[in-house]
C-alpha atoms as a PDB file:
ATOM      1  CA  UNK A   1       0.272  30.315  16.521  1.00  0.00           C
ATOM      2  CA  UNK A   2       3.128  28.182  17.133  1.00  0.00           C
ATOM      3  CA  UNK A   3       4.535  25.411  15.180  1.00  0.00           C
ATOM      4  CA  UNK A   4       3.918  22.942  18.294  1.00  0.00           C
ATOM      5  CA  UNK A   5       0.307  21.986  17.046  1.00  0.00           C
ATOM      6  CA  UNK A   6       1.686  21.072  13.543  1.00  0.00           C
ATOM      7  CA  UNK A   7       4.362  18.929  15.122  1.00  0.00           C
ATOM      8  CA  UNK A   8       1.685  17.157  17.502  1.00  0.00           C
ATOM      9  CA  UNK A   9      -0.385  16.387  14.485  1.00  0.00           C
ATOM     10  CA  UNK A  10       2.568  15.036  12.595  1.00  0.00           C
ATOM     11  CA  UNK A  11       3.486  12.795  15.759  1.00  0.00           C
ATOM     12  CA  UNK A  12      -0.157  11.461  15.739  1.00  0.00           C
ATOM     13  CA  UNK A  13       0.595  10.801  12.145  1.00  0.00           C
ATOM     14  CA  UNK A  14       3.809   8.953  13.007  1.00  0.00           C
ATOM     15  CA  UNK A  15       1.991   6.909  15.359  1.00  0.00           C
ATOM     16  CA  UNK A  16      -0.955   5.853  12.988  1.00  0.00           C
ATOM     17  CA  UNK A  17       1.626   5.045  10.508  1.00  0.00           C
ATOM     18  CA  UNK A  18       3.559   2.919  12.913  1.00  0.00           C
ATOM     19  CA  UNK A  19       0.652   0.963  13.609  1.00  0.00           C
ATOM     20  CA  UNK A  20      -0.243   0.783   9.971  1.00  0.00           C
ATOM     21  CA  UNK A  21       3.388  -0.385   9.436  1.00  0.00           C
ATOM     22  CA  UNK A  22       2.816  -3.205  12.200  1.00  0.00           C
ATOM     23  CA  UNK A  23      -0.440  -4.305  10.505  1.00  0.00           C
ATOM     24  CA  UNK A  24       1.129  -4.571   7.074  1.00  0.00           C
ATOM     25  CA  UNK A  25       4.032  -6.572   8.406  1.00  0.00           C
ATOM     26  CA  UNK A  26       1.522  -8.900  10.139  1.00  0.00           C
ATOM     27  CA  UNK A  27      -0.465  -9.378   6.726  1.00  0.00           C
ATOM     28  CA  UNK A  28       2.935 -10.670   5.265  1.00  0.00           C
ATOM     29  CA  UNK A  29       2.730 -14.266   6.851  1.00  0.00           C
ATOM     30  CA  UNK A  30      -1.028 -14.395   6.448  1.00  0.00           C
ATOM     31  CA  UNK A  31      -0.605 -13.948   2.691  1.00  0.00           C
ATOM     32  CA  UNK A  32       2.073 -16.524   2.441  1.00  0.00           C
ATOM     33  CA  UNK A  33      -0.336 -19.068   4.762  1.00  0.00           C
ATOM     34  CA  UNK A  34      -3.424 -18.165   2.762  1.00  0.00           C
ATOM     35  CA  UNK A  35      -5.401 -17.461   5.801  1.00  0.00           C
ATOM     36  CA  UNK A  36      -8.458 -15.336   4.305  1.00  0.00           C
ATOM     37  CA  UNK A  37     -10.339 -14.906   7.378  1.00  0.00           C
ATOM     38  CA  UNK A  38      -7.701 -13.213   9.144  1.00  0.00           C
ATOM     39  CA  UNK A  39      -6.560 -11.368   5.942  1.00  0.00           C
ATOM     40  CA  UNK A  40     -10.165  -9.785   6.046  1.00  0.00           C
ATOM     41  CA  UNK A  41      -9.635  -8.697   9.601  1.00  0.00           C
ATOM     42  CA  UNK A  42      -6.283  -7.120   8.785  1.00  0.00           C
ATOM     43  CA  UNK A  43      -7.875  -5.345   5.959  1.00  0.00           C
ATOM     44  CA  UNK A  44     -10.553  -4.030   8.040  1.00  0.00           C
ATOM     45  CA  UNK A  45      -8.041  -2.899  10.465  1.00  0.00           C
ATOM     46  CA  UNK A  46      -6.134  -1.179   8.128  1.00  0.00           C
ATOM     47  CA  UNK A  47      -8.989   0.645   6.435  1.00  0.00           C
ATOM     48  CA  UNK A  48      -9.897   2.139   9.990  1.00  0.00           C
ATOM     49  CA  UNK A  49      -6.087   3.301  10.336  1.00  0.00           C
ATOM     50  CA  UNK A  50      -6.173   4.812   6.702  1.00  0.00           C
ATOM     51  CA  UNK A  51      -9.485   6.718   7.440  1.00  0.00           C
ATOM     52  CA  UNK A  52      -7.923   7.928  10.884  1.00  0.00           C
ATOM     53  CA  UNK A  53      -4.579   9.232   8.914  1.00  0.00           C
ATOM     54  CA  UNK A  54      -6.713  10.857   6.389  1.00  0.00           C
ATOM     55  CA  UNK A  55      -8.654  12.662   9.125  1.00  0.00           C
ATOM     56  CA  UNK A  56      -5.333  13.614  11.089  1.00  0.00           C
ATOM     57  CA  UNK A  57      -3.837  14.790   7.689  1.00  0.00           C
ATOM     58  CA  UNK A  58      -6.717  17.073   6.822  1.00  0.00           C
ATOM     59  CA  UNK A  59      -6.481  18.477  10.291  1.00  0.00           C
ATOM     60  CA  UNK A  60      -2.474  18.961   9.685  1.00  0.00           C
ATOM     61  CA  UNK A  61      -3.281  21.053   6.314  1.00  0.00           C
ATOM     62  CA  UNK A  62      -5.850  23.203   8.416  1.00  0.00           C
ATOM     63  CA  UNK A  63      -3.266  23.729  11.147  1.00  0.00           C
ATOM     64  CA  UNK A  64      -0.636  24.910   8.338  1.00  0.00           C
ATOM     65  CA  UNK A  65      -3.214  27.270   6.740  1.00  0.00           C
ATOM     66  CA  UNK A  66      -3.847  28.742  10.190  1.00  0.00           C
ATOM     67  CA  UNK A  67       0.083  29.148  10.822  1.00  0.00           C
ATOM     68  CA  UNK A  68       0.615  30.814   7.340  1.00  0.00           C
ATOM     69  CA  UNK A  69      -2.377  32.859   7.803  1.00  0.00           C
ATOM     70  CA  UNK A  70      -1.114  34.038  11.405  1.00  0.00           C
ATOM     71  CA  UNK A  71       2.491  34.733   9.636  1.00  0.00           C
ATOM     72  CA  UNK A  72       0.654  36.897   7.036  1.00  0.00           C
ATOM     73  CA  UNK A  73       1.003  34.356   4.232  1.00  0.00           C
ATOM     74  CA  UNK A  74      -2.036  33.139   2.078  1.00  0.00           C
ATOM     75  CA  UNK A  75      -3.043  29.785   3.062  1.00  0.00           C
ATOM     76  CA  UNK A  76      -2.761  26.994   0.408  1.00  0.00           C
ATOM     77  CA  UNK A  77      -3.745  23.277   1.024  1.00  0.00           C
ATOM     78  CA  UNK A  78      -1.215  22.381  -1.320  1.00  0.00           C
ATOM     79  CA  UNK A  79       1.582  23.579   1.008  1.00  0.00           C
ATOM     80  CA  UNK A  80       3.716  20.764   2.064  1.00  0.00           C
ATOM     81  CA  UNK A  81       5.685  20.493   5.529  1.00  0.00           C
ATOM     82  CA  UNK A  82       8.897  20.917   3.445  1.00  0.00           C
ATOM     83  CA  UNK A  83       7.305  24.230   2.096  1.00  0.00           C
ATOM     84  CA  UNK A  84       6.406  25.192   5.447  1.00  0.00           C
ATOM     85  CA  UNK A  85       9.938  24.506   6.938  1.00  0.00           C
ATOM     86  CA  UNK A  86      11.318  27.224   4.343  1.00  0.00           C
ATOM     87  CA  UNK A  87       9.257  29.755   5.841  1.00  0.00           C
ATOM     88  CA  UNK A  88       9.922  29.261   9.309  1.00  0.00           C
ATOM     89  CA  UNK A  89      12.897  31.478  10.914  1.00  0.00           C
ATOM     90  CA  UNK A  90      13.072  30.383  14.411  1.00  0.00           C
ATOM     91  CA  UNK A  91      15.989  27.755  14.506  1.00  0.00           C
ATOM     92  CA  UNK A  92      14.309  25.491  17.149  1.00  0.00           C
ATOM     93  CA  UNK A  93      10.877  25.374  15.513  1.00  0.00           C
ATOM     94  CA  UNK A  94      12.902  24.556  11.965  1.00  0.00           C
ATOM     95  CA  UNK A  95      14.790  21.760  13.531  1.00  0.00           C
ATOM     96  CA  UNK A  96      11.923  20.388  15.636  1.00  0.00           C
ATOM     97  CA  UNK A  97       9.520  20.501  12.176  1.00  0.00           C
ATOM     98  CA  UNK A  98      12.412  18.995  10.255  1.00  0.00           C
ATOM     99  CA  UNK A  99      13.156  16.051  12.278  1.00  0.00           C
ATOM    100  CA  UNK A 100       9.564  15.042  12.651  1.00  0.00           C
ATOM    101  CA  UNK A 101       8.961  15.453   8.923  1.00  0.00           C
ATOM    102  CA  UNK A 102      12.265  13.249   8.212  1.00  0.00           C
ATOM    103  CA  UNK A 103      10.634  10.664  10.770  1.00  0.00           C
ATOM    104  CA  UNK A 104       7.440  10.492   8.919  1.00  0.00           C
ATOM    105  CA  UNK A 105       9.030  10.416   5.510  1.00  0.00           C
ATOM    106  CA  UNK A 106      10.938   7.330   6.839  1.00  0.00           C
ATOM    107  CA  UNK A 107       7.982   5.527   8.108  1.00  0.00           C
ATOM    108  CA  UNK A 108       6.386   6.210   4.839  1.00  0.00           C
ATOM    109  CA  UNK A 109       9.098   4.735   2.804  1.00  0.00           C
ATOM    110  CA  UNK A 110       9.015   1.481   5.188  1.00  0.00           C
ATOM    111  CA  UNK A 111       5.573   1.155   4.531  1.00  0.00           C
ATOM    112  CA  UNK A 112       5.846   1.460   1.106  1.00  0.00           C
ATOM    113  CA  UNK A 113       8.446  -1.296   0.871  1.00  0.00           C
ATOM    114  CA  UNK A 114       6.210  -3.690   2.909  1.00  0.00           C
ATOM    115  CA  UNK A 115       3.144  -3.055   0.498  1.00  0.00           C
ATOM    116  CA  UNK A 116       5.494  -3.490  -2.513  1.00  0.00           C
ATOM    117  CA  UNK A 117       6.339  -7.131  -0.738  1.00  0.00           C
ATOM    118  CA  UNK A 118       2.869  -7.812  -0.053  1.00  0.00           C
ATOM    119  CA  UNK A 119       1.578  -6.663  -3.492  1.00  0.00           C
ATOM    120  CA  UNK A 120       4.070  -9.214  -5.071  1.00  0.00           C
ATOM    121  CA  UNK A 121       2.878 -11.864  -2.644  1.00  0.00           C
ATOM    122  CA  UNK A 122      -0.532 -11.267  -3.844  1.00  0.00           C
ATOM    123  CA  UNK A 123       0.458 -10.966  -7.658  1.00  0.00           C
ATOM    124  CA  UNK A 124       2.210 -14.296  -7.551  1.00  0.00           C
ATOM    125  CA  UNK A 125      -0.610 -16.065  -5.694  1.00  0.00           C
ATOM    126  CA  UNK A 126      -3.123 -14.691  -8.291  1.00  0.00           C
ATOM    127  CA  UNK A 127      -0.789 -15.858 -11.207  1.00  0.00           C
ATOM    128  CA  UNK A 128      -0.383 -19.301  -9.563  1.00  0.00           C
ATOM    129  CA  UNK A 129      -4.403 -19.814  -9.216  1.00  0.00           C
ATOM    130  CA  UNK A 130      -4.680 -18.460 -12.938  1.00  0.00           C
ATOM    131  CA  UNK A 131      -2.224 -20.957 -14.088  1.00  0.00           C
ATOM    132  CA  UNK A 132      -3.979 -23.778 -12.108  1.00  0.00           C
ATOM    133  CA  UNK A 133      -7.342 -22.819 -13.653  1.00  0.00           C
ATOM    134  CA  UNK A 134      -5.711 -22.743 -17.026  1.00  0.00           C
ATOM    135  CA  UNK A 135      -4.099 -26.123 -16.432  1.00  0.00           C
ATOM    136  CA  UNK A 136      -7.423 -27.654 -15.728  1.00  0.00           C
ATOM    137  CA  UNK A 137      -9.787 -26.306 -17.998  1.00  0.00           C
ATOM    138  CA  UNK A 138      -7.815 -25.420 -21.273  1.00  0.00           C
ATOM    139  CA  UNK A 139      -7.338 -27.713 -23.998  1.00  0.00           C
ATOM    140  CA  UNK A 140      -3.830 -29.003 -24.359  1.00  0.00           C
ATOM    141  CA  UNK A 141      -1.950 -27.305 -27.085  1.00  0.00           C
ATOM    142  CA  UNK A 142      -0.056 -30.579 -28.195  1.00  0.00           C
ATOM    143  CA  UNK A 143       0.169 -34.054 -26.662  1.00  0.00           C
ATOM    144  CA  UNK A 144       2.761 -34.743 -24.246  1.00  0.00           C
ATOM    145  CA  UNK A 145       4.374 -37.192 -26.479  1.00  0.00           C
ATOM    146  CA  UNK A 146       6.624 -37.176 -29.654  1.00  0.00           C
ATOM    147  CA  UNK A 147       5.018 -37.227 -33.159  1.00  0.00           C
ATOM    148  CA  UNK A 148       6.165 -37.228 -36.511  1.00  0.00           C
ATOM    149  CA  UNK A 149       6.516 -33.377 -37.510  1.00  0.00           C
ATOM    150  CA  UNK A 150       5.559 -34.062 -41.296  1.00  0.00           C
ATOM    151  CA  UNK A 151       2.123 -35.425 -40.080  1.00  0.00           C
ATOM    152  CA  UNK A 152      -0.818 -33.191 -39.920  1.00  0.00           C
ATOM    153  CA  UNK A 153      -1.365 -32.125 -36.098  1.00  0.00           C
ATOM    154  CA  UNK A 154      -4.981 -33.879 -35.130  1.00  0.00           C
ATOM    155  CA  UNK A 155      -6.751 -32.093 -32.183  1.00  0.00           C
ATOM    156  CA  UNK A 156      -7.703 -34.538 -29.368  1.00  0.00           C
ATOM    157  CA  UNK A 157     -11.158 -34.982 -28.735  1.00  0.00           C
ATOM    158  CA  UNK A 158     -10.436 -34.095 -24.661  1.00  0.00           C
ATOM    159  CA  UNK A 159     -11.599 -30.542 -23.823  1.00  0.00           C
ATOM    160  CA  UNK A 160      -9.626 -30.295 -20.624  1.00  0.00           C
ATOM    161  CA  UNK A 161      -9.947 -31.935 -17.210  1.00  0.00           C
ATOM    162  CA  UNK A 162     -13.383 -30.625 -16.470  1.00  0.00           C
ATOM    163  CA  UNK A 163     -16.360 -30.654 -18.880  1.00  0.00           C
ATOM    164  CA  UNK A 164     -17.367 -27.035 -18.862  1.00  0.00           C
ATOM    165  CA  UNK A 165     -20.665 -27.462 -20.345  1.00  0.00           C
ATOM    166  CA  UNK A 166     -22.118 -29.347 -17.891  1.00  0.00           C
END
C-alpha cells in the first residue's frame, strides 16, 4: 500500500476544512447583525460538514492502520500523521505527507481563530442580553440620587420595571 491514499484522504479533509472555514467566516457578520434564521442555516451547514469531516477522519485512521500493517507495524488508531511521517523512509512520500499535514494544521489553526472570534461575539451578546434583563427586572440597589449617608437606607417599593408576579 502506498501513501497516496492517505494523502488523498488528507486532501479531502483540507477541502472540507476550507468549506468549514468559509462557513465560519460567513457566521461572523450574521452574529453581529443578529440574524437568527440565517445563523440556524449556517449551523446546519456546519453540522453536515463536521459529520463529513468525522467520516473522512475515520477513513484516514483506517488507511493509516492498513499502511502500518503492510509495513509490518501493529496498527493503532491513536497514531497521528506526524507519527506516521517518522516511519516513512521514501523521501518523496515523506515530503508529500509532511507538506499536506502542515497545510491541514494551518487550516485547523485558522479555523480555531475564527471560532474563538465567533465565540467571543456570542458571549458578548449573551452578556448584553443578561445585563438588559437584569436592568429591567431587578430592584435597584440604591436610588440614583444622593442621600444623607447617616440616614438608614430605605428600600423603595418599586420591584423593577415589570411586575414579575403578574
